[in-house]
């Protein structure tokens, strides 16, 4: 099989690691081409200044280098304010990246996430990746974000994983990637603690008799 092109469309730098860090390391090992797209700066809602925003970008760029990604795309929309941006504007920018990179596989946020940026990122991704004749995208997966995806509380729309990726050989490296975003890690028992991230990988793995796994909800698969 030819090497795949993988596009991660994430709302904030660190979502790519939390949601699919182990899977991206596995894609990298397979020599797949990877591109990270970040919709917001991930900082401005905290009243962070330009230096903090720049540092967050440097962290994301370091992650990208480790997973052999191309140079990340930063759209620099304000953090936790995507609902103030015209949806069509976001989707058109996403579409330009998709048209240029021509990914086979998309990883993005879940549609029922608590975080507004996450939900809008999903919606804009689906607009940008409409299954038209000229589209390169054959697979779209939603990932889960600890401390966000499971907290919205609408049970009929909850994250329902149906695809599992064995990350036994990559879970420790995923933790190392997360440590690059040191400010985003919280002490246990917070869901975004190292202990909780590891525990989720064990829990998801146990659902399909694996030691460690990342899970996804399949949105579209064209065979």
N, C-alpha and C. Protein backbone atom coordinates (compact mmCIF):
# COMPACT_ATOMS: atom_id res chain seq x y z
N UNK A 1 0.84 -1.20 0.00
CA UNK A 1 0.00 0.00 0.00
C UNK A 1 0.87 1.25 0.00
N UNK A 2 0.40 2.25 -0.70
CA UNK A 2 1.15 3.51 -0.74
C UNK A 2 1.12 4.17 0.63
N UNK A 3 2.14 4.97 0.88
CA UNK A 3 2.14 5.74 2.12
C UNK A 3 0.99 6.73 2.10
N UNK A 4 0.33 6.85 3.24
CA UNK A 4 -0.85 7.70 3.35
C UNK A 4 -0.46 9.14 3.70
N UNK A 5 -1.35 10.06 3.37
CA UNK A 5 -1.23 11.44 3.81
C UNK A 5 -2.23 11.66 4.94
N UNK A 6 -1.72 12.13 6.08
CA UNK A 6 -2.51 12.27 7.30
C UNK A 6 -2.62 13.74 7.66
N UNK A 7 -3.85 14.23 7.80
CA UNK A 7 -4.07 15.61 8.23
C UNK A 7 -4.82 15.60 9.56
N UNK A 8 -4.24 16.26 10.55
CA UNK A 8 -4.91 16.45 11.83
C UNK A 8 -5.43 17.88 11.87
N UNK A 9 -6.73 18.02 12.03
CA UNK A 9 -7.34 19.35 12.15
C UNK A 9 -7.76 19.52 13.60
N UNK A 10 -6.99 20.29 14.33
CA UNK A 10 -7.18 20.44 15.78
C UNK A 10 -7.46 21.89 16.12
N UNK A 11 -8.23 22.08 17.18
CA UNK A 11 -8.56 23.43 17.61
C UNK A 11 -7.38 24.12 18.27
N UNK A 12 -6.63 23.37 19.09
CA UNK A 12 -5.56 23.97 19.89
C UNK A 12 -4.30 23.11 19.83
N UNK A 13 -3.13 23.73 19.87
CA UNK A 13 -1.90 22.95 20.04
C UNK A 13 -1.93 22.22 21.38
N UNK A 14 -1.83 20.95 21.36
CA UNK A 14 -1.86 19.91 22.39
C UNK A 14 -2.98 18.92 22.13
N UNK A 15 -4.04 19.35 21.38
CA UNK A 15 -5.12 18.43 21.05
C UNK A 15 -4.62 17.27 20.19
N UNK A 16 -3.64 17.55 19.34
CA UNK A 16 -3.12 16.50 18.46
C UNK A 16 -2.47 15.38 19.26
N UNK A 17 -1.82 15.73 20.37
CA UNK A 17 -1.18 14.71 21.21
C UNK A 17 -2.21 13.98 22.05
N UNK A 18 -3.08 14.73 22.72
CA UNK A 18 -4.11 14.12 23.55
C UNK A 18 -5.02 13.21 22.72
N UNK A 19 -5.39 13.66 21.54
CA UNK A 19 -6.36 12.92 20.75
C UNK A 19 -5.79 11.76 19.97
N UNK A 20 -4.60 11.92 19.41
CA UNK A 20 -4.08 10.85 18.54
C UNK A 20 -2.56 10.82 18.49
N UNK A 21 -1.91 11.20 19.59
CA UNK A 21 -0.45 11.25 19.61
C UNK A 21 0.21 9.91 19.32
N UNK A 22 -0.29 8.85 19.93
CA UNK A 22 0.28 7.52 19.68
C UNK A 22 0.06 7.07 18.26
N UNK A 23 -1.12 7.35 17.73
CA UNK A 23 -1.44 6.98 16.35
C UNK A 23 -0.56 7.74 15.37
N UNK A 24 -0.30 9.01 15.65
CA UNK A 24 0.58 9.79 14.77
C UNK A 24 2.00 9.26 14.79
N UNK A 25 2.46 8.84 15.95
CA UNK A 25 3.79 8.23 16.03
C UNK A 25 3.85 6.95 15.20
N UNK A 26 2.74 6.23 15.20
CA UNK A 26 2.67 5.00 14.41
C UNK A 26 2.65 5.33 12.91
N UNK A 27 1.90 6.36 12.53
CA UNK A 27 1.92 6.80 11.13
C UNK A 27 3.32 7.23 10.71
N UNK A 28 4.01 7.94 11.61
CA UNK A 28 5.38 8.38 11.33
C UNK A 28 6.30 7.19 11.09
N UNK A 29 6.15 6.17 11.91
CA UNK A 29 6.95 4.95 11.77
C UNK A 29 6.70 4.30 10.41
N UNK A 30 5.50 4.45 9.90
CA UNK A 30 5.12 3.87 8.62
C UNK A 30 5.51 4.78 7.44
N UNK A 31 6.18 5.89 7.76
CA UNK A 31 6.60 6.86 6.74
C UNK A 31 5.42 7.52 6.03
N UNK A 32 4.29 7.59 6.71
CA UNK A 32 3.17 8.35 6.18
C UNK A 32 3.49 9.85 6.29
N UNK A 33 2.93 10.64 5.40
CA UNK A 33 3.13 12.08 5.43
C UNK A 33 2.09 12.71 6.35
N UNK A 34 2.54 13.55 7.27
CA UNK A 34 1.67 14.11 8.30
C UNK A 34 1.70 15.64 8.23
N UNK A 35 0.53 16.24 8.43
CA UNK A 35 0.41 17.69 8.54
C UNK A 35 -0.52 18.02 9.69
N UNK A 36 -0.12 18.96 10.53
CA UNK A 36 -0.93 19.42 11.65
C UNK A 36 -1.49 20.80 11.34
N UNK A 37 -2.80 20.95 11.51
CA UNK A 37 -3.48 22.24 11.31
C UNK A 37 -4.12 22.65 12.63
N UNK A 38 -3.77 23.83 13.12
CA UNK A 38 -4.32 24.34 14.38
C UNK A 38 -5.18 25.57 14.11
N UNK A 39 -6.44 25.52 14.54
CA UNK A 39 -7.36 26.60 14.25
C UNK A 39 -7.12 27.83 15.12
N UNK A 40 -6.82 27.64 16.41
CA UNK A 40 -6.67 28.78 17.32
C UNK A 40 -5.29 28.80 17.95
N UNK A 41 -5.00 29.89 18.64
CA UNK A 41 -3.69 30.02 19.29
C UNK A 41 -3.60 29.24 20.60
N UNK A 42 -4.74 28.82 21.16
CA UNK A 42 -4.74 28.02 22.37
C UNK A 42 -4.41 28.76 23.64
N UNK A 43 -4.24 30.07 23.57
CA UNK A 43 -3.77 30.83 24.73
C UNK A 43 -4.57 32.09 25.05
N UNK A 44 -5.12 32.75 24.04
CA UNK A 44 -5.64 34.10 24.23
C UNK A 44 -6.82 34.17 25.19
N UNK A 45 -7.57 33.09 25.38
CA UNK A 45 -8.68 33.12 26.33
C UNK A 45 -8.19 33.22 27.77
N UNK A 46 -6.91 32.93 27.97
CA UNK A 46 -6.31 33.01 29.31
C UNK A 46 -5.65 34.38 29.53
N UNK A 47 -5.90 35.29 28.61
CA UNK A 47 -5.26 36.60 28.64
C UNK A 47 -3.74 36.51 28.54
N UNK A 48 -3.30 35.46 27.87
CA UNK A 48 -1.87 35.31 27.63
C UNK A 48 -1.41 36.33 26.60
N UNK A 49 -0.17 36.72 26.71
CA UNK A 49 0.40 37.68 25.77
C UNK A 49 1.02 37.01 24.57
N UNK A 50 1.62 37.82 23.73
CA UNK A 50 2.20 37.31 22.49
C UNK A 50 3.33 36.31 22.74
N UNK A 51 4.05 36.49 23.83
CA UNK A 51 5.15 35.58 24.14
C UNK A 51 4.64 34.17 24.46
N UNK A 52 3.53 34.10 25.20
CA UNK A 52 2.95 32.79 25.53
C UNK A 52 2.40 32.11 24.27
N UNK A 53 1.79 32.91 23.41
CA UNK A 53 1.27 32.36 22.16
C UNK A 53 2.40 31.83 21.29
N UNK A 54 3.48 32.61 21.20
CA UNK A 54 4.64 32.17 20.42
C UNK A 54 5.25 30.90 21.00
N UNK A 55 5.31 30.83 22.33
CA UNK A 55 5.88 29.64 22.97
C UNK A 55 5.03 28.41 22.68
N UNK A 56 3.70 28.58 22.68
CA UNK A 56 2.82 27.45 22.37
C UNK A 56 3.06 26.96 20.95
N UNK A 57 3.29 27.88 20.03
CA UNK A 57 3.60 27.50 18.65
C UNK A 57 4.92 26.74 18.57
N UNK A 58 5.88 27.18 19.36
CA UNK A 58 7.17 26.49 19.36
C UNK A 58 7.03 25.08 19.90
N UNK A 59 6.18 24.91 20.90
CA UNK A 59 5.91 23.57 21.43
C UNK A 59 5.29 22.69 20.35
N UNK A 60 4.30 23.23 19.65
CA UNK A 60 3.64 22.46 18.59
C UNK A 60 4.62 22.12 17.47
N UNK A 61 5.51 23.05 17.16
CA UNK A 61 6.50 22.80 16.11
C UNK A 61 7.48 21.71 16.53
N UNK A 62 7.79 21.68 17.81
CA UNK A 62 8.68 20.62 18.33
C UNK A 62 8.01 19.26 18.22
N UNK A 63 6.73 19.20 18.58
CA UNK A 63 5.98 17.96 18.43
C UNK A 63 5.98 17.53 16.96
N UNK A 64 5.75 18.49 16.08
CA UNK A 64 5.70 18.18 14.65
C UNK A 64 7.02 17.59 14.15
N UNK A 65 8.11 18.13 14.62
CA UNK A 65 9.41 17.60 14.20
C UNK A 65 9.61 16.17 14.68
N UNK A 66 9.20 15.89 15.90
CA UNK A 66 9.39 14.55 16.46
C UNK A 66 8.58 13.51 15.69
N UNK A 67 7.37 13.88 15.25
CA UNK A 67 6.55 12.93 14.51
C UNK A 67 6.78 13.02 13.00
N UNK A 68 7.79 13.79 12.60
CA UNK A 68 8.15 13.95 11.19
C UNK A 68 7.00 14.56 10.38
N UNK A 69 6.30 15.49 11.00
CA UNK A 69 5.25 16.21 10.30
C UNK A 69 5.85 17.34 9.47
N UNK A 70 5.12 17.76 8.47
CA UNK A 70 5.47 18.98 7.78
C UNK A 70 5.30 20.16 8.74
N UNK A 71 5.74 21.32 8.33
CA UNK A 71 5.60 22.51 9.15
C UNK A 71 4.13 22.74 9.46
N UNK A 72 3.76 22.87 10.75
CA UNK A 72 2.35 23.02 11.10
C UNK A 72 1.73 24.29 10.50
N UNK A 73 0.43 24.23 10.31
CA UNK A 73 -0.34 25.38 9.85
C UNK A 73 -1.04 25.98 11.06
N UNK A 74 -0.75 27.23 11.34
CA UNK A 74 -1.38 27.95 12.46
C UNK A 74 -2.31 29.02 11.90
N UNK A 75 -3.60 28.90 12.17
CA UNK A 75 -4.55 29.89 11.67
C UNK A 75 -4.70 31.08 12.60
N UNK A 76 -4.32 30.89 13.87
CA UNK A 76 -4.25 32.01 14.82
C UNK A 76 -5.58 32.66 15.17
N UNK A 77 -6.67 31.92 15.03
CA UNK A 77 -7.94 32.45 15.51
C UNK A 77 -7.89 32.53 17.04
N UNK A 78 -8.67 33.42 17.66
CA UNK A 78 -8.63 33.55 19.12
C UNK A 78 -9.16 32.30 19.82
N UNK A 79 -8.50 31.95 20.90
CA UNK A 79 -8.83 30.75 21.67
C UNK A 79 -10.21 30.84 22.28
N UNK A 80 -10.98 29.74 22.18
CA UNK A 80 -12.33 29.63 22.74
C UNK A 80 -13.29 30.70 22.24
N UNK A 81 -13.06 31.14 21.00
CA UNK A 81 -13.94 32.14 20.40
C UNK A 81 -14.25 31.83 18.94
N UNK A 82 -14.12 30.56 18.55
CA UNK A 82 -14.41 30.22 17.16
C UNK A 82 -15.88 30.47 16.81
N UNK A 83 -16.73 30.49 17.83
CA UNK A 83 -18.15 30.76 17.57
C UNK A 83 -18.39 32.21 17.14
N UNK A 84 -17.39 33.06 17.29
CA UNK A 84 -17.50 34.45 16.85
C UNK A 84 -16.99 34.64 15.42
N UNK A 85 -16.45 33.58 14.84
CA UNK A 85 -15.93 33.63 13.48
C UNK A 85 -16.95 33.00 12.53
N UNK A 86 -17.15 33.59 11.39
CA UNK A 86 -18.06 33.04 10.41
C UNK A 86 -17.65 31.62 10.04
N UNK A 87 -18.59 30.66 10.14
CA UNK A 87 -18.28 29.26 9.87
C UNK A 87 -17.74 29.06 8.46
N UNK A 88 -18.33 29.74 7.49
CA UNK A 88 -17.88 29.58 6.12
C UNK A 88 -16.43 30.03 5.96
N UNK A 89 -16.03 31.07 6.67
CA UNK A 89 -14.66 31.55 6.60
C UNK A 89 -13.70 30.47 7.11
N UNK A 90 -14.03 29.85 8.23
CA UNK A 90 -13.19 28.79 8.78
C UNK A 90 -13.12 27.62 7.81
N UNK A 91 -14.29 27.20 7.32
CA UNK A 91 -14.34 26.04 6.44
C UNK A 91 -13.57 26.27 5.14
N UNK A 92 -13.63 27.48 4.61
CA UNK A 92 -12.90 27.77 3.37
C UNK A 92 -11.39 27.68 3.58
N UNK A 93 -10.92 28.14 4.74
CA UNK A 93 -9.49 28.05 5.02
C UNK A 93 -9.09 26.58 5.19
N UNK A 94 -9.90 25.82 5.92
CA UNK A 94 -9.64 24.39 6.04
C UNK A 94 -9.58 23.74 4.66
N UNK A 95 -10.54 24.10 3.81
CA UNK A 95 -10.63 23.49 2.49
C UNK A 95 -9.39 23.79 1.64
N UNK A 96 -8.84 24.99 1.79
CA UNK A 96 -7.63 25.32 1.04
C UNK A 96 -6.46 24.42 1.45
N UNK A 97 -6.38 24.16 2.76
CA UNK A 97 -5.32 23.26 3.24
C UNK A 97 -5.55 21.85 2.73
N UNK A 98 -6.79 21.40 2.78
CA UNK A 98 -7.13 20.06 2.29
C UNK A 98 -6.83 19.95 0.79
N UNK A 99 -7.21 20.96 0.02
CA UNK A 99 -6.97 20.92 -1.42
C UNK A 99 -5.49 20.92 -1.76
N UNK A 100 -4.70 21.64 -0.95
CA UNK A 100 -3.27 21.72 -1.21
C UNK A 100 -2.54 20.44 -0.79
N UNK A 101 -2.86 19.93 0.40
CA UNK A 101 -2.15 18.78 0.94
C UNK A 101 -2.68 17.46 0.39
N UNK A 102 -3.97 17.41 0.08
CA UNK A 102 -4.64 16.22 -0.45
C UNK A 102 -4.48 15.01 0.47
N UNK A 103 -4.99 15.13 1.70
CA UNK A 103 -4.86 14.01 2.64
C UNK A 103 -5.76 12.84 2.28
N UNK A 104 -5.32 11.66 2.67
CA UNK A 104 -6.17 10.47 2.59
C UNK A 104 -7.03 10.33 3.84
N UNK A 105 -6.41 10.66 4.99
CA UNK A 105 -7.03 10.43 6.29
C UNK A 105 -7.07 11.73 7.08
N UNK A 106 -8.22 12.00 7.70
CA UNK A 106 -8.39 13.17 8.56
C UNK A 106 -8.68 12.70 9.98
N UNK A 107 -7.99 13.29 10.96
CA UNK A 107 -8.32 13.14 12.38
C UNK A 107 -8.76 14.51 12.90
N UNK A 108 -9.90 14.54 13.57
CA UNK A 108 -10.37 15.81 14.12
C UNK A 108 -11.20 15.57 15.37
N UNK A 109 -11.81 16.63 15.89
CA UNK A 109 -12.54 16.57 17.14
C UNK A 109 -13.89 15.88 17.01
N UNK A 110 -14.46 15.55 18.16
CA UNK A 110 -15.78 14.94 18.21
C UNK A 110 -16.86 16.02 18.19
N UNK A 111 -17.98 15.70 17.58
CA UNK A 111 -19.07 16.68 17.39
C UNK A 111 -19.81 17.02 18.68
N UNK A 112 -19.65 16.22 19.74
CA UNK A 112 -20.37 16.48 20.99
C UNK A 112 -19.43 16.93 22.10
N UNK A 113 -18.31 17.50 21.75
CA UNK A 113 -17.34 17.92 22.73
C UNK A 113 -17.85 19.14 23.52
N UNK A 114 -17.44 19.25 24.77
CA UNK A 114 -17.84 20.39 25.60
C UNK A 114 -17.25 21.71 25.08
N UNK A 115 -16.04 21.65 24.59
CA UNK A 115 -15.34 22.86 24.15
C UNK A 115 -15.91 23.37 22.83
N UNK A 116 -16.29 24.62 22.79
CA UNK A 116 -16.91 25.19 21.60
C UNK A 116 -15.96 25.18 20.41
N UNK A 117 -14.69 25.43 20.64
CA UNK A 117 -13.72 25.39 19.54
C UNK A 117 -13.65 24.00 18.92
N UNK A 118 -13.74 22.98 19.77
CA UNK A 118 -13.68 21.61 19.27
C UNK A 118 -14.88 21.30 18.38
N UNK A 119 -16.08 21.71 18.83
CA UNK A 119 -17.29 21.43 18.05
C UNK A 119 -17.26 22.15 16.70
N UNK A 120 -16.85 23.39 16.72
CA UNK A 120 -16.83 24.15 15.47
C UNK A 120 -15.75 23.63 14.53
N UNK A 121 -14.63 23.20 15.09
CA UNK A 121 -13.58 22.60 14.26
C UNK A 121 -14.11 21.37 13.54
N UNK A 122 -14.89 20.54 14.25
CA UNK A 122 -15.49 19.38 13.61
C UNK A 122 -16.41 19.81 12.47
N UNK A 123 -17.31 20.75 12.73
CA UNK A 123 -18.27 21.19 11.72
C UNK A 123 -17.57 21.75 10.49
N UNK A 124 -16.58 22.59 10.72
CA UNK A 124 -15.85 23.19 9.59
C UNK A 124 -15.08 22.13 8.81
N UNK A 125 -14.57 21.13 9.52
CA UNK A 125 -13.86 20.04 8.85
C UNK A 125 -14.79 19.27 7.92
N UNK A 126 -16.01 19.00 8.39
CA UNK A 126 -16.95 18.26 7.56
C UNK A 126 -17.37 19.06 6.33
N UNK A 127 -17.47 20.38 6.47
CA UNK A 127 -17.78 21.22 5.32
C UNK A 127 -16.61 21.19 4.33
N UNK A 128 -15.41 21.30 4.86
CA UNK A 128 -14.21 21.31 4.00
C UNK A 128 -13.96 19.98 3.33
N UNK A 129 -14.48 18.90 3.92
CA UNK A 129 -14.20 17.54 3.42
C UNK A 129 -15.45 16.87 2.85
N UNK A 130 -16.31 17.65 2.22
CA UNK A 130 -17.49 17.07 1.59
C UNK A 130 -17.05 16.01 0.57
N UNK A 131 -17.79 14.89 0.48
CA UNK A 131 -17.36 13.78 -0.39
C UNK A 131 -17.65 14.05 -1.87
N UNK A 132 -16.95 15.03 -2.40
CA UNK A 132 -17.08 15.36 -3.81
C UNK A 132 -16.14 14.49 -4.65
N UNK A 133 -16.36 14.48 -5.95
CA UNK A 133 -15.57 13.63 -6.84
C UNK A 133 -14.08 13.92 -6.72
N UNK A 134 -13.75 15.20 -6.60
CA UNK A 134 -12.34 15.60 -6.59
C UNK A 134 -11.67 15.48 -5.22
N UNK A 135 -12.42 15.09 -4.20
CA UNK A 135 -11.85 15.01 -2.85
C UNK A 135 -10.90 13.84 -2.71
N UNK A 136 -9.79 14.07 -2.05
CA UNK A 136 -8.81 13.01 -1.79
C UNK A 136 -9.13 12.24 -0.51
N UNK A 137 -10.00 12.79 0.34
CA UNK A 137 -10.23 12.25 1.68
C UNK A 137 -11.09 11.00 1.61
N UNK A 138 -10.57 9.90 2.12
CA UNK A 138 -11.32 8.64 2.14
C UNK A 138 -11.67 8.18 3.56
N UNK A 139 -11.02 8.77 4.57
CA UNK A 139 -11.31 8.35 5.94
C UNK A 139 -11.32 9.58 6.85
N UNK A 140 -12.34 9.68 7.70
CA UNK A 140 -12.43 10.75 8.69
C UNK A 140 -12.73 10.12 10.04
N UNK A 141 -11.91 10.46 11.04
CA UNK A 141 -12.05 9.92 12.39
C UNK A 141 -12.14 11.06 13.41
N UNK A 142 -13.00 10.87 14.40
CA UNK A 142 -13.05 11.79 15.55
C UNK A 142 -12.24 11.20 16.69
N UNK A 143 -11.44 12.04 17.34
CA UNK A 143 -10.73 11.60 18.54
C UNK A 143 -11.38 12.19 19.78
N UNK A 144 -10.99 11.67 20.92
CA UNK A 144 -11.49 12.17 22.20
C UNK A 144 -10.41 12.99 22.90
N UNK A 145 -10.83 14.03 23.61
CA UNK A 145 -9.92 14.87 24.38
C UNK A 145 -10.30 14.75 25.85
N UNK A 146 -9.38 14.23 26.64
CA UNK A 146 -9.62 14.10 28.06
C UNK A 146 -9.87 15.48 28.68
N UNK A 147 -10.83 15.56 29.56
CA UNK A 147 -11.28 16.77 30.24
C UNK A 147 -12.18 17.62 29.36
N UNK A 148 -12.65 17.07 28.23
CA UNK A 148 -13.50 17.86 27.35
C UNK A 148 -14.56 17.03 26.64
N UNK A 149 -14.14 15.97 25.96
CA UNK A 149 -15.09 15.20 25.15
C UNK A 149 -16.18 14.54 25.99
N UNK A 150 -15.81 14.04 27.16
CA UNK A 150 -16.79 13.34 27.97
C UNK A 150 -17.57 14.20 28.94
N UNK A 151 -17.39 15.51 28.87
CA UNK A 151 -17.97 16.39 29.89
C UNK A 151 -19.22 17.15 29.44
N UNK A 152 -19.64 17.00 28.19
CA UNK A 152 -20.80 17.77 27.75
C UNK A 152 -22.11 17.20 28.29
N UNK A 153 -22.17 15.89 28.47
CA UNK A 153 -23.30 15.30 29.17
C UNK A 153 -24.54 15.04 28.34
N UNK A 154 -24.43 15.04 27.01
CA UNK A 154 -25.57 14.68 26.16
C UNK A 154 -25.35 13.23 25.72
N UNK A 155 -25.98 12.31 26.41
CA UNK A 155 -25.62 10.90 26.29
C UNK A 155 -25.92 10.31 24.91
N UNK A 156 -26.98 10.77 24.25
CA UNK A 156 -27.31 10.18 22.95
C UNK A 156 -26.32 10.59 21.85
N UNK A 157 -25.47 11.58 22.15
CA UNK A 157 -24.45 12.01 21.19
C UNK A 157 -23.04 11.77 21.71
N UNK A 158 -22.91 10.95 22.73
CA UNK A 158 -21.60 10.76 23.35
C UNK A 158 -20.64 10.07 22.41
N UNK A 159 -19.36 10.23 22.69
CA UNK A 159 -18.29 9.60 21.91
C UNK A 159 -18.45 8.08 21.95
N UNK A 160 -18.57 7.47 20.77
CA UNK A 160 -18.78 6.02 20.66
C UNK A 160 -17.64 5.43 19.83
N UNK A 161 -16.57 5.03 20.46
CA UNK A 161 -15.42 4.51 19.70
C UNK A 161 -15.75 3.21 18.98
N UNK A 162 -15.33 3.15 17.74
CA UNK A 162 -15.51 1.92 16.96
C UNK A 162 -14.27 1.57 16.15
N UNK A 163 -13.20 2.34 16.35
CA UNK A 163 -11.89 2.05 15.74
C UNK A 163 -10.84 2.19 16.83
N UNK A 164 -9.98 1.19 16.93
CA UNK A 164 -8.95 1.17 17.98
C UNK A 164 -7.58 0.98 17.35
N UNK A 165 -6.61 1.74 17.83
CA UNK A 165 -5.24 1.65 17.33
C UNK A 165 -4.34 1.19 18.46
N UNK A 166 -3.63 0.12 18.23
CA UNK A 166 -2.69 -0.43 19.22
C UNK A 166 -1.50 0.52 19.35
N UNK A 167 -1.32 1.10 20.54
CA UNK A 167 -0.19 2.02 20.75
C UNK A 167 0.76 1.51 21.83
N UNK A 168 0.78 0.20 22.02
CA UNK A 168 1.64 -0.38 23.05
C UNK A 168 3.09 0.08 22.92
N UNK A 169 3.58 0.17 21.70
CA UNK A 169 4.97 0.56 21.47
C UNK A 169 5.18 2.08 21.46
N UNK A 170 4.08 2.84 21.64
CA UNK A 170 4.16 4.29 21.48
C UNK A 170 3.60 5.06 22.67
N UNK A 171 3.03 4.38 23.65
CA UNK A 171 2.37 5.11 24.73
C UNK A 171 3.35 5.96 25.54
N UNK A 172 4.56 5.45 25.80
CA UNK A 172 5.53 6.23 26.55
C UNK A 172 6.00 7.44 25.75
N UNK A 173 6.11 7.27 24.43
CA UNK A 173 6.50 8.38 23.57
C UNK A 173 5.38 9.42 23.49
N UNK A 174 4.13 8.95 23.54
CA UNK A 174 3.01 9.89 23.58
C UNK A 174 3.08 10.75 24.84
N UNK A 175 3.39 10.12 25.96
CA UNK A 175 3.54 10.87 27.21
C UNK A 175 4.67 11.89 27.09
N UNK A 176 5.76 11.50 26.45
CA UNK A 176 6.88 12.43 26.25
C UNK A 176 6.43 13.63 25.39
N UNK A 177 5.61 13.37 24.38
CA UNK A 177 5.09 14.46 23.56
C UNK A 177 4.22 15.39 24.40
N UNK A 178 3.40 14.80 25.26
CA UNK A 178 2.51 15.62 26.08
C UNK A 178 3.31 16.48 27.04
N UNK A 179 4.43 15.99 27.52
CA UNK A 179 5.26 16.76 28.45
C UNK A 179 5.85 18.01 27.80
N UNK A 180 5.88 18.04 26.47
CA UNK A 180 6.33 19.25 25.78
C UNK A 180 5.37 20.40 26.07
N UNK A 181 4.09 20.07 26.19
CA UNK A 181 3.08 21.06 26.57
C UNK A 181 2.93 21.06 28.09
N UNK A 182 3.97 21.41 28.78
CA UNK A 182 4.02 21.20 30.23
C UNK A 182 2.91 21.93 30.99
N UNK A 183 2.48 23.10 30.50
CA UNK A 183 1.44 23.86 31.21
C UNK A 183 0.07 23.21 31.09
N UNK A 184 -0.11 22.34 30.12
CA UNK A 184 -1.40 21.70 29.91
C UNK A 184 -1.60 20.46 30.75
N UNK A 185 -0.54 19.99 31.38
CA UNK A 185 -0.63 18.81 32.24
C UNK A 185 -1.08 19.24 33.63
N UNK A 186 -2.00 18.50 34.21
CA UNK A 186 -2.52 18.78 35.54
C UNK A 186 -2.16 17.64 36.48
N UNK A 187 -2.14 17.90 37.79
CA UNK A 187 -1.87 16.83 38.74
C UNK A 187 -3.02 15.83 38.81
N UNK A 188 -2.70 14.59 39.10
CA UNK A 188 -3.71 13.56 39.28
C UNK A 188 -4.60 13.92 40.47
N UNK A 189 -5.90 13.66 40.38
CA UNK A 189 -6.63 12.82 39.42
C UNK A 189 -7.27 13.57 38.27
N UNK A 190 -6.78 14.73 37.90
CA UNK A 190 -7.34 15.47 36.77
C UNK A 190 -7.25 14.60 35.51
N UNK A 191 -8.26 14.66 34.63
CA UNK A 191 -8.23 13.83 33.42
C UNK A 191 -7.02 14.08 32.52
N UNK A 192 -6.42 15.27 32.64
CA UNK A 192 -5.28 15.59 31.78
C UNK A 192 -3.96 15.42 32.53
N UNK A 193 -3.97 14.58 33.54
CA UNK A 193 -2.72 14.22 34.22
C UNK A 193 -2.06 13.07 33.46
N UNK A 194 -0.78 12.90 33.69
CA UNK A 194 -0.06 11.79 33.05
C UNK A 194 -0.69 10.46 33.45
N UNK A 195 -1.07 10.34 34.71
CA UNK A 195 -1.68 9.10 35.19
C UNK A 195 -2.99 8.82 34.46
N UNK A 196 -3.80 9.86 34.27
CA UNK A 196 -5.10 9.67 33.61
C UNK A 196 -4.95 9.39 32.12
N UNK A 197 -4.00 10.04 31.47
CA UNK A 197 -3.75 9.77 30.05
C UNK A 197 -3.34 8.32 29.86
N UNK A 198 -2.46 7.84 30.73
CA UNK A 198 -2.03 6.45 30.66
C UNK A 198 -3.18 5.50 30.96
N UNK A 199 -3.97 5.85 31.97
CA UNK A 199 -5.10 5.00 32.35
C UNK A 199 -6.12 4.90 31.22
N UNK A 200 -6.36 6.01 30.52
CA UNK A 200 -7.31 5.95 29.40
C UNK A 200 -6.81 5.03 28.30
N UNK A 201 -5.51 5.08 28.03
CA UNK A 201 -4.93 4.18 27.02
C UNK A 201 -5.10 2.72 27.44
N UNK A 202 -4.93 2.46 28.73
CA UNK A 202 -5.12 1.09 29.23
C UNK A 202 -6.60 0.69 29.12
N UNK A 203 -7.48 1.60 29.52
CA UNK A 203 -8.92 1.33 29.48
C UNK A 203 -9.40 1.08 28.05
N UNK A 204 -9.02 1.94 27.13
CA UNK A 204 -9.43 1.75 25.74
C UNK A 204 -8.83 0.46 25.18
N UNK A 205 -7.60 0.17 25.55
CA UNK A 205 -7.01 -1.07 25.09
C UNK A 205 -7.76 -2.28 25.60
N UNK A 206 -8.18 -2.24 26.86
CA UNK A 206 -8.88 -3.39 27.46
C UNK A 206 -10.21 -3.67 26.77
N UNK A 207 -10.79 -2.66 26.10
CA UNK A 207 -12.06 -2.87 25.40
C UNK A 207 -11.91 -3.81 24.21
N UNK A 208 -10.68 -3.93 23.70
CA UNK A 208 -10.45 -4.79 22.54
C UNK A 208 -9.26 -5.72 22.76
N UNK A 209 -8.97 -6.02 24.04
CA UNK A 209 -7.91 -6.97 24.42
C UNK A 209 -6.53 -6.52 23.95
N UNK A 210 -6.26 -5.23 24.09
CA UNK A 210 -4.93 -4.69 23.85
C UNK A 210 -4.38 -4.11 25.14
N UNK A 211 -3.07 -3.98 25.24
CA UNK A 211 -2.47 -3.41 26.44
C UNK A 211 -2.74 -1.90 26.52
N UNK A 212 -2.55 -1.21 25.38
CA UNK A 212 -2.77 0.23 25.31
C UNK A 212 -3.36 0.55 23.93
N UNK A 213 -4.32 1.45 23.91
CA UNK A 213 -4.92 1.83 22.62
C UNK A 213 -5.41 3.27 22.65
N UNK A 214 -5.48 3.86 21.46
CA UNK A 214 -6.24 5.09 21.25
C UNK A 214 -7.48 4.69 20.47
N UNK A 215 -8.59 5.34 20.80
CA UNK A 215 -9.84 4.97 20.14
C UNK A 215 -10.40 6.17 19.37
N UNK A 216 -11.16 5.85 18.34
CA UNK A 216 -11.72 6.87 17.45
C UNK A 216 -13.14 6.49 17.08
N UNK A 217 -13.91 7.51 16.72
CA UNK A 217 -15.23 7.26 16.16
C UNK A 217 -15.14 7.52 14.66
N UNK A 218 -15.41 6.48 13.90
CA UNK A 218 -15.35 6.61 12.44
C UNK A 218 -16.54 7.42 11.94
N UNK A 219 -16.23 8.46 11.16
CA UNK A 219 -17.28 9.31 10.59
C UNK A 219 -17.54 8.93 9.14
N UNK A 220 -16.47 8.64 8.40
CA UNK A 220 -16.63 8.27 7.00
C UNK A 220 -15.48 7.38 6.57
N UNK A 221 -15.82 6.38 5.78
CA UNK A 221 -14.79 5.50 5.20
C UNK A 221 -15.23 5.16 3.79
N UNK A 222 -14.45 5.57 2.81
CA UNK A 222 -14.74 5.28 1.41
C UNK A 222 -13.74 4.25 0.91
N UNK A 223 -14.25 3.11 0.54
CA UNK A 223 -13.36 2.01 0.13
C UNK A 223 -13.46 1.80 -1.37
